[in-house]
C-alpha atoms as a PDB file:
ATOM      1  CA  MET A   1      24.589   4.535  38.389  1.00  0.00           C
ATOM      2  CA  ILE A   2      25.202   8.208  37.606  1.00  0.00           C
ATOM      3  CA  SER A   3      22.207   9.829  35.910  1.00  0.00           C
ATOM      4  CA  PHE A   4      22.272  11.673  32.614  1.00  0.00           C
ATOM      5  CA  GLU A   5      20.915  14.733  34.436  1.00  0.00           C
ATOM      6  CA  SER A   6      24.110  14.878  36.522  1.00  0.00           C
ATOM      7  CA  TYR A   7      26.259  14.809  33.387  1.00  0.00           C
ATOM      8  CA  LYS A   8      24.013  17.406  31.755  1.00  0.00           C
ATOM      9  CA  ILE A   9      24.586  19.794  34.707  1.00  0.00           C
ATOM     10  CA  PHE A  10      28.330  19.098  34.517  1.00  0.00           C
ATOM     11  CA  TYR A  11      28.274  19.782  30.749  1.00  0.00           C
ATOM     12  CA  TYR A  12      26.805  23.272  31.135  1.00  0.00           C
ATOM     13  CA  ALA A  13      28.941  24.133  34.166  1.00  0.00           C
ATOM     14  CA  ALA A  14      32.087  23.119  32.253  1.00  0.00           C
ATOM     15  CA  LYS A  15      30.950  24.783  29.032  1.00  0.00           C
ATOM     16  CA  TYR A  16      30.346  28.183  30.674  1.00  0.00           C
ATOM     17  CA  LYS A  17      32.919  27.773  33.495  1.00  0.00           C
ATOM     18  CA  ASN A  18      30.322  29.486  35.626  1.00  0.00           C
ATOM     19  CA  PHE A  19      27.751  27.792  37.863  1.00  0.00           C
ATOM     20  CA  THR A  20      25.349  30.749  37.722  1.00  0.00           C
ATOM     21  CA  ARG A  21      25.236  30.777  33.908  1.00  0.00           C
ATOM     22  CA  ALA A  22      24.779  27.009  33.938  1.00  0.00           C
ATOM     23  CA  ALA A  23      21.883  27.389  36.392  1.00  0.00           C
ATOM     24  CA  ASN A  24      20.226  29.978  34.136  1.00  0.00           C
ATOM     25  CA  GLN A  25      20.519  27.651  31.143  1.00  0.00           C
ATOM     26  CA  LEU A  26      19.068  24.762  33.144  1.00  0.00           C
ATOM     27  CA  LEU A  27      16.304  26.890  34.690  1.00  0.00           C
ATOM     28  CA  THR A  28      17.467  26.068  38.197  1.00  0.00           C
ATOM     29  CA  SER A  29      19.455  27.760  40.971  1.00  0.00           C
ATOM     30  CA  GLN A  30      23.204  28.193  41.440  1.00  0.00           C
ATOM     31  CA  PRO A  31      23.175  26.282  44.767  1.00  0.00           C
ATOM     32  CA  ALA A  32      21.430  23.371  43.030  1.00  0.00           C
ATOM     33  CA  VAL A  33      24.171  23.267  40.398  1.00  0.00           C
ATOM     34  CA  SER A  34      26.891  23.413  43.049  1.00  0.00           C
ATOM     35  CA  HIS A  35      25.263  20.594  44.981  1.00  0.00           C
ATOM     36  CA  ALA A  36      24.941  18.446  41.846  1.00  0.00           C
ATOM     37  CA  ILE A  37      28.618  18.967  40.986  1.00  0.00           C
ATOM     38  CA  ARG A  38      29.755  18.042  44.501  1.00  0.00           C
ATOM     39  CA  THR A  39      27.626  14.898  44.343  1.00  0.00           C
ATOM     40  CA  LEU A  40      29.104  13.966  40.955  1.00  0.00           C
ATOM     41  CA  GLU A  41      32.646  14.525  42.255  1.00  0.00           C
ATOM     42  CA  HIS A  42      31.893  12.276  45.227  1.00  0.00           C
ATOM     43  CA  GLN A  43      30.483   9.580  42.947  1.00  0.00           C
ATOM     44  CA  LEU A  44      33.521   9.689  40.647  1.00  0.00           C
ATOM     45  CA  GLY A  45      36.006  10.019  43.491  1.00  0.00           C
ATOM     46  CA  CYS A  46      37.850  13.040  42.087  1.00  0.00           C
ATOM     47  CA  ARG A  47      37.597  16.820  41.806  1.00  0.00           C
ATOM     48  CA  LEU A  48      36.253  18.098  38.510  1.00  0.00           C
ATOM     49  CA  PHE A  49      36.519  21.857  39.097  1.00  0.00           C
ATOM     50  CA  SER A  50      39.042  24.138  40.767  1.00  0.00           C
ATOM     51  CA  ARG A  51      37.179  26.925  42.516  1.00  0.00           C
ATOM     52  CA  SER A  52      38.492  30.463  43.072  1.00  0.00           C
ATOM     53  CA  ASN A  53      37.216  34.014  43.486  1.00  0.00           C
ATOM     54  CA  HIS A  54      37.395  34.380  39.713  1.00  0.00           C
ATOM     55  CA  GLY A  55      35.140  31.417  39.026  1.00  0.00           C
ATOM     56  CA  VAL A  56      35.788  27.765  38.245  1.00  0.00           C
ATOM     57  CA  THR A  57      38.138  25.933  35.918  1.00  0.00           C
ATOM     58  CA  LEU A  58      38.298  22.294  34.973  1.00  0.00           C
ATOM     59  CA  THR A  59      40.836  20.046  36.606  1.00  0.00           C
ATOM     60  CA  PRO A  60      42.717  17.579  34.376  1.00  0.00           C
ATOM     61  CA  GLU A  61      40.143  14.942  35.388  1.00  0.00           C
ATOM     62  CA  GLY A  62      37.372  17.407  34.588  1.00  0.00           C
ATOM     63  CA  GLN A  63      38.855  18.137  31.167  1.00  0.00           C
ATOM     64  CA  LEU A  64      39.046  14.427  30.389  1.00  0.00           C
ATOM     65  CA  LEU A  65      35.442  13.875  31.441  1.00  0.00           C
ATOM     66  CA  TYR A  66      34.192  16.946  29.558  1.00  0.00           C
ATOM     67  CA  ALA A  67      35.712  15.767  26.281  1.00  0.00           C
ATOM     68  CA  HIS A  68      33.461  12.689  26.388  1.00  0.00           C
ATOM     69  CA  VAL A  69      30.399  14.185  28.075  1.00  0.00           C
ATOM     70  CA  ALA A  70      30.290  17.118  25.625  1.00  0.00           C
ATOM     71  CA  ALA A  71      30.223  14.785  22.617  1.00  0.00           C
ATOM     72  CA  GLY A  72      27.408  12.732  24.135  1.00  0.00           C
ATOM     73  CA  CYS A  73      25.312  15.704  25.271  1.00  0.00           C
ATOM     74  CA  GLU A  74      25.589  17.459  21.938  1.00  0.00           C
ATOM     75  CA  GLN A  75      24.374  14.330  20.145  1.00  0.00           C
ATOM     76  CA  PHE A  76      21.434  14.047  22.557  1.00  0.00           C
ATOM     77  CA  PHE A  77      20.572  17.724  22.065  1.00  0.00           C
ATOM     78  CA  LYS A  78      20.820  17.346  18.304  1.00  0.00           C
ATOM     79  CA  GLY A  79      18.440  14.408  18.451  1.00  0.00           C
ATOM     80  CA  GLU A  80      15.985  16.390  20.570  1.00  0.00           C
ATOM     81  CA  SER A  81      16.113  19.221  18.063  1.00  0.00           C
ATOM     82  CA  LEU A  82      15.464  16.893  15.146  1.00  0.00           C
ATOM     83  CA  VAL A  83      12.505  15.268  16.905  1.00  0.00           C
ATOM     84  CA  SER A  84      11.094  18.684  17.805  1.00  0.00           C
ATOM     85  CA  SER A  85      11.389  19.904  14.233  1.00  0.00           C
ATOM     86  CA  THR A  86       9.677  16.739  13.026  1.00  0.00           C
ATOM     87  CA  GLN A  87       6.854  17.246  15.528  1.00  0.00           C
ATOM     88  CA  ALA A  88       6.423  20.760  14.137  1.00  0.00           C
ATOM     89  CA  LEU A  89       6.516  19.322  10.594  1.00  0.00           C
ATOM     90  CA  GLU A  90       9.640  21.306   9.793  1.00  0.00           C
ATOM     91  CA  SER A  91      10.959  17.990   8.478  1.00  0.00           C
ATOM     92  CA  GLY A  92       9.977  14.342   8.335  1.00  0.00           C
ATOM     93  CA  MET A  93       9.477  11.577   5.797  1.00  0.00           C
ATOM     94  CA  VAL A  94       6.302   9.881   4.546  1.00  0.00           C
ATOM     95  CA  TYR A  95       6.666   6.479   2.861  1.00  0.00           C
ATOM     96  CA  LEU A  96       4.171   5.742   0.080  1.00  0.00           C
ATOM     97  CA  ALA A  97       3.682   2.766  -2.224  1.00  0.00           C
ATOM     98  CA  THR A  98       1.606   3.621  -5.277  1.00  0.00           C
ATOM     99  CA  THR A  99       0.725   2.683  -8.838  1.00  0.00           C
ATOM    100  CA  GLU A 100       1.034   4.620 -12.093  1.00  0.00           C
ATOM    101  CA  THR A 101      -2.733   5.063 -12.252  1.00  0.00           C
ATOM    102  CA  ALA A 102      -2.970   6.404  -8.700  1.00  0.00           C
ATOM    103  CA  LEU A 103      -0.079   8.783  -9.353  1.00  0.00           C
ATOM    104  CA  HIS A 104      -1.672  10.292 -12.446  1.00  0.00           C
ATOM    105  CA  CYS A 105      -5.277  10.292 -11.238  1.00  0.00           C
ATOM    106  CA  TYR A 106      -4.717  11.564  -7.715  1.00  0.00           C
ATOM    107  CA  LEU A 107      -1.369  11.567  -5.991  1.00  0.00           C
ATOM    108  CA  PHE A 108       0.536  14.112  -8.085  1.00  0.00           C
ATOM    109  CA  GLY A 109      -2.071  16.771  -7.391  1.00  0.00           C
ATOM    110  CA  LEU A 110      -2.408  15.859  -3.709  1.00  0.00           C
ATOM    111  CA  LEU A 111       1.349  15.991  -3.071  1.00  0.00           C
ATOM    112  CA  ASP A 112       1.527  19.406  -4.716  1.00  0.00           C
ATOM    113  CA  ARG A 113      -1.242  20.745  -2.456  1.00  0.00           C
ATOM    114  CA  PHE A 114       0.303  19.171   0.650  1.00  0.00           C
ATOM    115  CA  HIS A 115       3.697  20.745  -0.069  1.00  0.00           C
ATOM    116  CA  GLU A 116       2.104  24.182  -0.167  1.00  0.00           C
ATOM    117  CA  HIS A 117       1.374  23.752   3.557  1.00  0.00           C
ATOM    118  CA  HIS A 118       4.360  21.591   4.592  1.00  0.00           C
ATOM    119  CA  PRO A 119       7.214  22.274   2.164  1.00  0.00           C
ATOM    120  CA  ASN A 120       9.897  20.558   4.258  1.00  0.00           C
ATOM    121  CA  VAL A 121       8.202  17.160   4.546  1.00  0.00           C
ATOM    122  CA  ARG A 122       9.729  14.685   2.119  1.00  0.00           C
ATOM    123  CA  PHE A 123       8.185  11.644   0.428  1.00  0.00           C
ATOM    124  CA  LYS A 124       9.684   8.274  -0.372  1.00  0.00           C
ATOM    125  CA  LEU A 125       7.669   6.834  -3.271  1.00  0.00           C
ATOM    126  CA  MET A 126       7.696   3.192  -4.299  1.00  0.00           C
ATOM    127  CA  ASN A 127       6.141   2.668  -7.732  1.00  0.00           C
ATOM    128  CA  GLN A 128       4.556  -0.791  -7.665  1.00  0.00           C
ATOM    129  CA  VAL A 129       1.583  -2.808  -8.853  1.00  0.00           C
ATOM    130  CA  THR A 130      -1.380  -2.776  -6.486  1.00  0.00           C
ATOM    131  CA  SER A 131      -0.745  -6.146  -4.822  1.00  0.00           C
ATOM    132  CA  ASP A 132       2.895  -5.288  -4.093  1.00  0.00           C
ATOM    133  CA  ALA A 133       1.951  -1.855  -2.771  1.00  0.00           C
ATOM    134  CA  ILE A 134      -0.573  -3.385  -0.347  1.00  0.00           C
ATOM    135  CA  ASN A 135       1.986  -5.968   0.778  1.00  0.00           C
ATOM    136  CA  ALA A 136       4.434  -3.137   1.467  1.00  0.00           C
ATOM    137  CA  VAL A 137       1.928  -1.741   3.977  1.00  0.00           C
ATOM    138  CA  LYS A 138       1.317  -5.164   5.491  1.00  0.00           C
ATOM    139  CA  ASN A 139       5.060  -5.740   5.920  1.00  0.00           C
ATOM    140  CA  GLY A 140       5.618  -2.306   7.477  1.00  0.00           C
ATOM    141  CA  MET A 141       7.749  -1.046   4.585  1.00  0.00           C
ATOM    142  CA  CYS A 142       5.603   2.029   4.004  1.00  0.00           C
ATOM    143  CA  ASP A 143       3.017   4.169   5.781  1.00  0.00           C
ATOM    144  CA  PHE A 144       0.331   4.036   3.083  1.00  0.00           C
ATOM    145  CA  ALA A 145      -0.481   2.430  -0.253  1.00  0.00           C
ATOM    146  CA  VAL A 146      -2.379   4.590  -2.742  1.00  0.00           C
ATOM    147  CA  VAL A 147      -3.969   2.298  -5.304  1.00  0.00           C
ATOM    148  CA  PRO A 148      -6.937   2.109  -7.706  1.00  0.00           C
ATOM    149  CA  SER A 149      -9.863  -0.275  -7.407  1.00  0.00           C
ATOM    150  CA  PRO A 150     -10.548  -3.138  -7.526  1.00  0.00           C
ATOM    151  CA  ILE A 151      -8.533  -4.144  -4.470  1.00  0.00           C
ATOM    152  CA  ALA A 152      -8.467  -7.004  -1.975  1.00  0.00           C
ATOM    153  CA  ILE A 153      -6.937  -6.397   1.440  1.00  0.00           C
ATOM    154  CA  GLN A 154      -6.238  -8.443   4.539  1.00  0.00           C
ATOM    155  CA  LYS A 155      -8.502  -8.021   7.573  1.00  0.00           C
ATOM    156  CA  SER A 156      -5.699  -6.336   9.520  1.00  0.00           C
ATOM    157  CA  LEU A 157      -5.567  -3.459   7.027  1.00  0.00           C
ATOM    158  CA  LYS A 158      -8.005  -0.597   6.498  1.00  0.00           C
ATOM    159  CA  THR A 159      -8.868   1.386   3.393  1.00  0.00           C
ATOM    160  CA  ILE A 160     -10.618   4.628   2.507  1.00  0.00           C
ATOM    161  CA  ALA A 161     -11.655   5.866  -0.938  1.00  0.00           C
ATOM    162  CA  VAL A 162     -10.314   9.367  -1.590  1.00  0.00           C
ATOM    163  CA  ALA A 163     -11.168   9.981  -5.256  1.00  0.00           C
ATOM    164  CA  SER A 164     -12.940   8.470  -8.238  1.00  0.00           C
ATOM    165  CA  PHE A 165     -12.266   8.383 -11.966  1.00  0.00           C
ATOM    166  CA  SER A 166     -13.659   6.934 -15.153  1.00  0.00           C
ATOM    167  CA  ASP A 167     -11.961   5.071 -18.008  1.00  0.00           C
ATOM    168  CA  ILE A 168     -12.123   6.596 -21.489  1.00  0.00           C
ATOM    169  CA  LEU A 169     -11.735   4.522 -24.654  1.00  0.00           C
ATOM    170  CA  ILE A 170      -9.418   6.366 -27.062  1.00  0.00           C
ATOM    171  CA  CYS A 171      -8.105   5.935 -30.582  1.00  0.00           C
ATOM    172  CA  GLY A 172      -5.812   7.663 -33.064  1.00  0.00           C
ATOM    173  CA  SER A 173      -6.583   9.274 -36.427  1.00  0.00           C
ATOM    174  CA  GLN A 174      -6.870   5.960 -38.282  1.00  0.00           C
ATOM    175  CA  TYR A 175      -9.851   5.004 -36.130  1.00  0.00           C
ATOM    176  CA  ALA A 176     -11.224   8.533 -35.749  1.00  0.00           C
ATOM    177  CA  PRO A 177     -14.552   7.637 -37.433  1.00  0.00           C
ATOM    178  CA  LEU A 178     -15.320   5.563 -34.324  1.00  0.00           C
ATOM    179  CA  ALA A 179     -15.290   8.767 -32.280  1.00  0.00           C
ATOM    180  CA  GLY A 180     -18.319  10.044 -34.131  1.00  0.00           C
ATOM    181  CA  GLN A 181     -20.556   7.220 -33.047  1.00  0.00           C
ATOM    182  CA  THR A 182     -21.510   5.166 -30.018  1.00  0.00           C
ATOM    183  CA  ILE A 183     -20.391   1.553 -30.252  1.00  0.00           C
ATOM    184  CA  PRO A 184     -21.249  -1.536 -28.201  1.00  0.00           C
ATOM    185  CA  LEU A 185     -18.581  -2.869 -25.858  1.00  0.00           C
ATOM    186  CA  ALA A 186     -18.422  -6.048 -27.934  1.00  0.00           C
ATOM    187  CA  ALA A 187     -17.146  -4.050 -30.929  1.00  0.00           C
ATOM    188  CA  ILE A 188     -13.791  -3.617 -29.188  1.00  0.00           C
ATOM    189  CA  ALA A 189     -12.984  -7.218 -30.117  1.00  0.00           C
ATOM    190  CA  GLN A 190     -12.885  -6.158 -33.796  1.00  0.00           C
ATOM    191  CA  TYR A 191      -9.901  -3.825 -33.339  1.00  0.00           C
ATOM    192  CA  PRO A 192      -6.341  -4.119 -32.031  1.00  0.00           C
ATOM    193  CA  PHE A 193      -6.648  -3.652 -28.304  1.00  0.00           C
ATOM    194  CA  ILE A 194      -4.087  -1.969 -26.040  1.00  0.00           C
ATOM    195  CA  CYS A 195      -4.172  -2.729 -22.313  1.00  0.00           C
ATOM    196  CA  VAL A 196      -1.658  -2.868 -19.488  1.00  0.00           C
ATOM    197  CA  ALA A 197      -0.078  -6.180 -18.550  1.00  0.00           C
ATOM    198  CA  GLU A 198      -1.618  -9.034 -16.615  1.00  0.00           C
ATOM    199  CA  GLY A 199      -1.200  -8.831 -12.854  1.00  0.00           C
ATOM    200  CA  THR A 200      -2.140  -5.152 -12.697  1.00  0.00           C
ATOM    201  CA  THR A 201      -5.379  -3.896 -11.179  1.00  0.00           C
ATOM    202  CA  THR A 202      -6.383  -2.180 -14.413  1.00  0.00           C
ATOM    203  CA  ARG A 203      -5.945  -5.366 -16.448  1.00  0.00           C
ATOM    204  CA  THR A 204      -7.954  -7.333 -13.895  1.00  0.00           C
ATOM    205  CA  PHE A 205     -10.717  -4.718 -14.053  1.00  0.00           C
ATOM    206  CA  PHE A 206     -11.090  -4.948 -17.845  1.00  0.00           C
ATOM    207  CA  ASP A 207     -10.710  -8.717 -17.960  1.00  0.00           C
ATOM    208  CA  GLU A 208     -13.626  -8.974 -15.526  1.00  0.00           C
ATOM    209  CA  ILE A 209     -15.720  -6.521 -17.584  1.00  0.00           C
ATOM    210  CA  PHE A 210     -15.198  -8.496 -20.786  1.00  0.00           C
ATOM    211  CA  THR A 211     -15.857 -11.801 -19.024  1.00  0.00           C
ATOM    212  CA  GLN A 212     -19.125 -10.502 -17.576  1.00  0.00           C
ATOM    213  CA  HIS A 213     -20.264  -9.510 -21.071  1.00  0.00           C
ATOM    214  CA  ASN A 214     -18.958 -12.706 -22.725  1.00  0.00           C
ATOM    215  CA  ILE A 215     -16.693 -10.675 -25.010  1.00  0.00           C
ATOM    216  CA  PRO A 216     -13.621 -12.565 -26.300  1.00  0.00           C
ATOM    217  CA  VAL A 217     -11.179  -9.667 -26.342  1.00  0.00           C
ATOM    218  CA  SER A 218      -7.483 -10.411 -26.808  1.00  0.00           C
ATOM    219  CA  VAL A 219      -4.822  -7.871 -25.878  1.00  0.00           C
ATOM    220  CA  ASP A 220      -2.481  -7.024 -28.741  1.00  0.00           C
ATOM    221  CA  ILE A 221      -0.115  -4.583 -26.984  1.00  0.00           C
ATOM    222  CA  GLU A 222       0.693  -4.592 -23.265  1.00  0.00           C
ATOM    223  CA  PRO A 223       2.441  -1.372 -22.153  1.00  0.00           C
ATOM    224  CA  ALA A 224       3.890  -1.127 -18.663  1.00  0.00           C
ATOM    225  CA  SER A 225       1.605   1.743 -17.619  1.00  0.00           C
ATOM    226  CA  SER A 226      -1.636   3.439 -18.670  1.00  0.00           C
ATOM    227  CA  ASP A 227       0.028   6.699 -19.729  1.00  0.00           C
ATOM    228  CA  MET A 228       1.901   4.753 -22.449  1.00  0.00           C
ATOM    229  CA  ILE A 229      -1.411   3.904 -24.090  1.00  0.00           C
ATOM    230  CA  VAL A 230      -1.710   7.497 -25.372  1.00  0.00           C
ATOM    231  CA  PRO A 231       1.347   7.473 -27.680  1.00  0.00           C
ATOM    232  CA  LEU A 232       0.496   3.946 -28.802  1.00  0.00           C
ATOM    233  CA  ALA A 233      -3.019   5.064 -29.769  1.00  0.00           C
ATOM    234  CA  GLU A 234      -1.631   8.206 -31.421  1.00  0.00           C
ATOM    235  CA  SER A 235       0.539   5.927 -33.556  1.00  0.00           C
ATOM    236  CA  ASN A 236      -2.607   4.060 -34.662  1.00  0.00           C
ATOM    237  CA  LEU A 237      -1.459   0.769 -33.148  1.00  0.00           C
ATOM    238  CA  GLY A 238      -4.867   0.133 -31.626  1.00  0.00           C
ATOM    239  CA  ILE A 239      -7.517   1.416 -29.241  1.00  0.00           C
ATOM    240  CA  GLY A 240      -7.381   1.366 -25.466  1.00  0.00           C
ATOM    241  CA  PHE A 241      -8.725   2.722 -22.208  1.00  0.00           C
ATOM    242  CA  VAL A 242      -7.030   5.468 -20.196  1.00  0.00           C
ATOM    243  CA  PRO A 243      -8.142   7.240 -17.001  1.00  0.00           C
ATOM    244  CA  ASP A 244     -10.136  10.378 -17.725  1.00  0.00           C
ATOM    245  CA  ILE A 245      -7.456  12.670 -16.269  1.00  0.00           C
ATOM    246  CA  ILE A 246      -4.863  11.283 -18.708  1.00  0.00           C
ATOM    247  CA  TYR A 247      -7.266  11.833 -21.595  1.00  0.00           C
ATOM    248  CA  GLU A 248      -7.958  15.416 -20.490  1.00  0.00           C
ATOM    249  CA  ARG A 249      -4.233  16.177 -20.403  1.00  0.00           C
ATOM    250  CA  ASN A 250      -3.739  14.950 -23.951  1.00  0.00           C
ATOM    251  CA  LYS A 251      -6.944  15.736 -25.815  1.00  0.00           C
ATOM    252  CA  ASP A 252      -5.823  19.173 -27.002  1.00  0.00           C
ATOM    253  CA  SER A 253      -3.163  17.547 -29.167  1.00  0.00           C
ATOM    254  CA  HIS A 254      -6.040  16.495 -31.486  1.00  0.00           C
ATOM    255  CA  ARG A 255      -4.183  13.239 -32.051  1.00  0.00           C
ATOM    256  CA  ILE A 256      -6.404  11.099 -29.831  1.00  0.00           C
ATOM    257  CA  PHE A 257     -10.182  10.834 -29.891  1.00  0.00           C
ATOM    258  CA  PRO A 258     -12.720   9.473 -27.362  1.00  0.00           C
ATOM    259  CA  ILE A 259     -14.946   6.567 -28.336  1.00  0.00           C
ATOM    260  CA  HIS A 260     -18.347   6.384 -26.653  1.00  0.00           C
ATOM    261  CA  LEU A 261     -19.782   3.073 -25.524  1.00  0.00           C
ATOM    262  CA  ASN A 262     -23.364   1.847 -25.255  1.00  0.00           C
ATOM    263  CA  GLU A 263     -22.566   0.188 -21.940  1.00  0.00           C
ATOM    264  CA  PRO A 264     -21.172   2.648 -19.396  1.00  0.00           C
ATOM    265  CA  LEU A 265     -18.263   1.318 -17.371  1.00  0.00           C
ATOM    266  CA  PRO A 266     -18.433   1.516 -13.577  1.00  0.00           C
ATOM    267  CA  LEU A 267     -16.494   4.304 -11.907  1.00  0.00           C
ATOM    268  CA  ARG A 268     -13.262   3.302 -10.223  1.00  0.00           C
ATOM    269  CA  THR A 269     -11.843   4.694  -6.996  1.00  0.00           C
ATOM    270  CA  ILE A 270      -8.426   5.684  -5.695  1.00  0.00           C
ATOM    271  CA  ASN A 271      -7.945   4.126  -2.271  1.00  0.00           C
ATOM    272  CA  VAL A 272      -5.550   4.659   0.609  1.00  0.00           C
ATOM    273  CA  VAL A 273      -4.608   1.429   2.373  1.00  0.00           C
ATOM    274  CA  TYR A 274      -3.027   1.551   5.828  1.00  0.00           C
ATOM    275  CA  ASP A 275      -2.342  -0.518   8.915  1.00  0.00           C
ATOM    276  CA  PRO A 276      -4.107   1.110  11.906  1.00  0.00           C
ATOM    277  CA  LYS A 277      -1.776  -0.719  14.326  1.00  0.00           C
ATOM    278  CA  LEU A 278       1.418   0.526  12.676  1.00  0.00           C
ATOM    279  CA  PRO A 279       2.844   3.601  14.474  1.00  0.00           C
ATOM    280  CA  LYS A 280       3.022   6.673  12.254  1.00  0.00           C
ATOM    281  CA  SER A 281       5.461   9.560  12.346  1.00  0.00           C
ATOM    282  CA  PRO A 282       4.068  13.080  12.915  1.00  0.00           C
ATOM    283  CA  ALA A 283       4.576  13.770   9.205  1.00  0.00           C
ATOM    284  CA  ALA A 284       2.674  10.619   8.208  1.00  0.00           C
ATOM    285  CA  ARG A 285      -0.165  11.420  10.626  1.00  0.00           C
ATOM    286  CA  GLN A 286      -0.473  14.944   9.258  1.00  0.00           C
ATOM    287  CA  PHE A 287      -0.438  13.657   5.677  1.00  0.00           C
ATOM    288  CA  PHE A 288      -3.216  11.184   6.496  1.00  0.00           C
ATOM    289  CA  THR A 289      -5.300  13.973   8.057  1.00  0.00           C
ATOM    290  CA  PHE A 290      -4.668  16.153   5.010  1.00  0.00           C
ATOM    291  CA  LEU A 291      -5.738  13.562   2.463  1.00  0.00           C
ATOM    292  CA  LYS A 292      -8.922  12.754   4.399  1.00  0.00           C
ATOM    293  CA  GLU A 293      -9.832  16.440   4.563  1.00  0.00           C
ATOM    294  CA  ASP A 294      -8.944  16.875   0.900  1.00  0.00           C
ATOM    295  CA  ALA A 295     -11.176  13.948  -0.052  1.00  0.00           C
ATOM    296  CA  GLN A 296     -14.140  15.606   1.632  1.00  0.00           C
END
């Protein structure tokens, strides 16, 4: 079996038509190159170079071999270059599964800060509900899931909390008088209630809150994501909870108003779920280091 190193030496010798230049490129000596070429010729049973006082030229057999060896070597060298650039974070891809809430409350800002340091790293985002995002990690389809609490994960997975947020009850102008007072949680049942659909983490969170307080709240409007609750509340179609960061982004419109509750809701967290046994690319490892440092 002829080694790749032998073909690599042949490639440079044929490319430069000069054994000394090939030796310089390979960081070896001219006699070592000459010896390697003679060995290769013996193994193949033909002459590859014609030697003269003016240097070397390829024989017809050498030309035929070079046409194939050059294509292979250049692909290998290209691959090495791509891997090296990825190691240096000049490129690379990070695969993330995330929810609307995690995007708005954490991930948008984090990705912006990360790109300031590593502008050439790209992200593949899968927008999913929490359970699907966690399963994507379990099945090896992504590097990390970024999801809000509450969450349930398999024993093989790990999680870290990287941020926290609170939920703000908002209303439009029709219910603005509510914003001037503090109401009990049970009062929500008296008004049209807007909440994201069943099966989402946010819906599960509020269903559990209302169940714990024995409050029979029915959901009147079920938007696909929390950010859609703002225009629905602005249109006076009901009241609903949004993450505090979404409220802060929209409060200056003076079309939504916060409603204070007697019973404070527990803080929620944004969590990164990952499989410690799943190999990570250099870009994914650097991103994980960055988000842990950012969380601190």
